[in-house]
Amino acid sequence: MQVWFVGHDSVEHSHYGRTFKDMRDRLMEGYDQRWAYITVSANLVRALAKDENGQDFITSTLDEEQTECSVEEFVSELAPELLDVRAVKEWH
């Protein structure tokens, strides 16, 4: 699962990072921002299949590590479509 918070000029990958950035902006810059919370996840794909003898068994087409890699690849392609990456000053 991939999670990130998007502010008006920064992207944070943790709740604490977002909180500290928010507190800094409120105290030092005098403004509060609205944050978007974005989550992307995927289920491990499991399917019922039959072997050569006709016996049912459960198979997995992607293991956990492969699924995580797939989600990361998807996010890397999706993020530039959702965000104006030129406007982002800080990536954490």
C-alpha atoms as a PDB file:
ATOM      1  CA  MET A   1       0.000   0.000   0.000  1.00  0.00           C
ATOM      2  CA  GLN A   2       1.259   3.444  -0.886  1.00  0.00           C
ATOM      3  CA  VAL A   3       0.124   6.492   1.088  1.00  0.00           C
ATOM      4  CA  TRP A   4       0.986  10.125   0.704  1.00  0.00           C
ATOM      5  CA  PHE A   5      -0.291  13.562   1.652  1.00  0.00           C
ATOM      6  CA  VAL A   6      -0.394  16.370  -0.897  1.00  0.00           C
ATOM      7  CA  GLY A   7      -0.322  20.010   0.164  1.00  0.00           C
ATOM      8  CA  HIS A   8      -0.300  23.059  -2.070  1.00  0.00           C
ATOM      9  CA  ASP A   9       3.469  22.921  -2.584  1.00  0.00           C
ATOM     10  CA  SER A  10       4.682  19.749  -0.902  1.00  0.00           C
ATOM     11  CA  VAL A  11       4.195  16.007  -0.803  1.00  0.00           C
ATOM     12  CA  GLU A  12       4.695  14.107   2.449  1.00  0.00           C
ATOM     13  CA  HIS A  13       4.857  10.331   2.827  1.00  0.00           C
ATOM     14  CA  SER A  14       4.047  10.170   6.506  1.00  0.00           C
ATOM     15  CA  HIS A  15       1.476  11.557   8.870  1.00  0.00           C
ATOM     16  CA  TYR A  16       4.225  12.979  11.083  1.00  0.00           C
ATOM     17  CA  GLY A  17       5.911  14.683   8.134  1.00  0.00           C
ATOM     18  CA  ARG A  18       2.612  16.273   7.164  1.00  0.00           C
ATOM     19  CA  THR A  19       1.951  17.353  10.744  1.00  0.00           C
ATOM     20  CA  PHE A  20       5.377  18.980  11.157  1.00  0.00           C
ATOM     21  CA  LYS A  21       5.103  20.733   7.771  1.00  0.00           C
ATOM     22  CA  ASP A  22       1.634  21.963   8.719  1.00  0.00           C
ATOM     23  CA  MET A  23       2.805  23.277  12.101  1.00  0.00           C
ATOM     24  CA  ARG A  24       5.817  24.992  10.518  1.00  0.00           C
ATOM     25  CA  ASP A  25       3.643  26.678   7.886  1.00  0.00           C
ATOM     26  CA  ARG A  26       1.160  27.869  10.509  1.00  0.00           C
ATOM     27  CA  LEU A  27       3.839  29.279  12.803  1.00  0.00           C
ATOM     28  CA  MET A  28       6.433  30.559  10.337  1.00  0.00           C
ATOM     29  CA  GLU A  29       4.403  31.390   7.227  1.00  0.00           C
ATOM     30  CA  GLY A  30       1.072  32.305   8.802  1.00  0.00           C
ATOM     31  CA  TYR A  31      -1.177  30.002   6.792  1.00  0.00           C
ATOM     32  CA  ASP A  32      -2.773  26.609   7.043  1.00  0.00           C
ATOM     33  CA  GLN A  33      -3.112  24.326   4.090  1.00  0.00           C
ATOM     34  CA  ARG A  34      -5.600  21.746   3.063  1.00  0.00           C
ATOM     35  CA  TRP A  35      -4.147  18.313   2.565  1.00  0.00           C
ATOM     36  CA  ALA A  36      -5.217  15.553   0.238  1.00  0.00           C
ATOM     37  CA  TYR A  37      -4.693  12.033   1.580  1.00  0.00           C
ATOM     38  CA  ILE A  38      -4.029   9.603  -1.245  1.00  0.00           C
ATOM     39  CA  THR A  39      -3.956   5.837  -0.782  1.00  0.00           C
ATOM     40  CA  VAL A  40      -3.272   3.207  -3.414  1.00  0.00           C
ATOM     41  CA  SER A  41      -3.463  -0.490  -2.583  1.00  0.00           C
ATOM     42  CA  ALA A  42      -3.955  -3.794  -4.332  1.00  0.00           C
ATOM     43  CA  ASN A  43      -5.203  -7.197  -3.317  1.00  0.00           C
ATOM     44  CA  LEU A  44      -3.036 -10.209  -3.773  1.00  0.00           C
ATOM     45  CA  VAL A  45      -4.613 -12.036  -6.675  1.00  0.00           C
ATOM     46  CA  ARG A  46      -5.701 -15.531  -5.734  1.00  0.00           C
ATOM     47  CA  ALA A  47      -7.580 -17.781  -8.105  1.00  0.00           C
ATOM     48  CA  LEU A  48      -9.120 -21.223  -8.004  1.00  0.00           C
ATOM     49  CA  ALA A  49      -7.577 -23.508 -10.598  1.00  0.00           C
ATOM     50  CA  LYS A  50      -7.556 -27.220 -11.428  1.00  0.00           C
ATOM     51  CA  ASP A  51      -4.511 -29.417 -11.758  1.00  0.00           C
ATOM     52  CA  GLU A  52      -4.051 -32.086 -14.444  1.00  0.00           C
ATOM     53  CA  ASN A  53      -6.165 -34.516 -12.376  1.00  0.00           C
ATOM     54  CA  GLY A  54      -9.067 -32.087 -12.063  1.00  0.00           C
ATOM     55  CA  GLN A  55      -8.360 -31.279  -8.391  1.00  0.00           C
ATOM     56  CA  ASP A  56      -9.088 -27.738  -7.257  1.00  0.00           C
ATOM     57  CA  PHE A  57      -6.268 -25.675  -5.781  1.00  0.00           C
ATOM     58  CA  ILE A  58      -5.701 -22.013  -5.008  1.00  0.00           C
ATOM     59  CA  THR A  59      -3.001 -20.233  -6.928  1.00  0.00           C
ATOM     60  CA  SER A  60      -1.528 -16.765  -6.563  1.00  0.00           C
ATOM     61  CA  THR A  61      -0.446 -14.939  -9.687  1.00  0.00           C
ATOM     62  CA  LEU A  62       1.565 -12.306  -7.767  1.00  0.00           C
ATOM     63  CA  ASP A  63       3.234 -12.673  -4.391  1.00  0.00           C
ATOM     64  CA  GLU A  64       3.348  -9.826  -1.864  1.00  0.00           C
ATOM     65  CA  GLU A  65       6.668  -8.422  -3.085  1.00  0.00           C
ATOM     66  CA  GLN A  66       5.569  -8.500  -6.738  1.00  0.00           C
ATOM     67  CA  THR A  67       2.278  -6.833  -5.825  1.00  0.00           C
ATOM     68  CA  GLU A  68       4.120  -4.076  -3.935  1.00  0.00           C
ATOM     69  CA  CYS A  69       6.373  -3.503  -6.961  1.00  0.00           C
ATOM     70  CA  SER A  70       3.304  -3.336  -9.185  1.00  0.00           C
ATOM     71  CA  VAL A  71       1.672  -0.726  -6.918  1.00  0.00           C
ATOM     72  CA  GLU A  72       4.880   1.337  -6.804  1.00  0.00           C
ATOM     73  CA  GLU A  73       5.114   1.279 -10.600  1.00  0.00           C
ATOM     74  CA  PHE A  74       1.469   2.306 -10.889  1.00  0.00           C
ATOM     75  CA  VAL A  75       1.981   5.191  -8.444  1.00  0.00           C
ATOM     76  CA  SER A  76       5.071   6.420 -10.289  1.00  0.00           C
ATOM     77  CA  GLU A  77       3.001   6.614 -13.485  1.00  0.00           C
ATOM     78  CA  LEU A  78      -0.104   8.030 -11.771  1.00  0.00           C
ATOM     79  CA  ALA A  79       1.495  10.777  -9.663  1.00  0.00           C
ATOM     80  CA  PRO A  80       2.489  13.047 -12.584  1.00  0.00           C
ATOM     81  CA  GLU A  81      -1.073  12.769 -13.904  1.00  0.00           C
ATOM     82  CA  LEU A  82      -2.588  13.836 -10.551  1.00  0.00           C
ATOM     83  CA  LEU A  83      -0.059  16.428  -9.458  1.00  0.00           C
ATOM     84  CA  ASP A  84       1.465  19.478 -11.039  1.00  0.00           C
ATOM     85  CA  VAL A  85       4.963  18.253 -10.225  1.00  0.00           C
ATOM     86  CA  ARG A  86       6.480  21.616 -11.231  1.00  0.00           C
ATOM     87  CA  ALA A  87       4.560  23.265  -8.358  1.00  0.00           C
ATOM     88  CA  VAL A  88       5.872  20.860  -5.730  1.00  0.00           C
ATOM     89  CA  LYS A  89       8.746  22.457  -3.833  1.00  0.00           C
ATOM     90  CA  GLU A  90       9.282  19.655  -1.308  1.00  0.00           C
ATOM     91  CA  TRP A  91       9.086  15.869  -1.691  1.00  0.00           C
ATOM     92  CA  HIS A  92       9.444  13.924   1.563  1.00  0.00           C
END
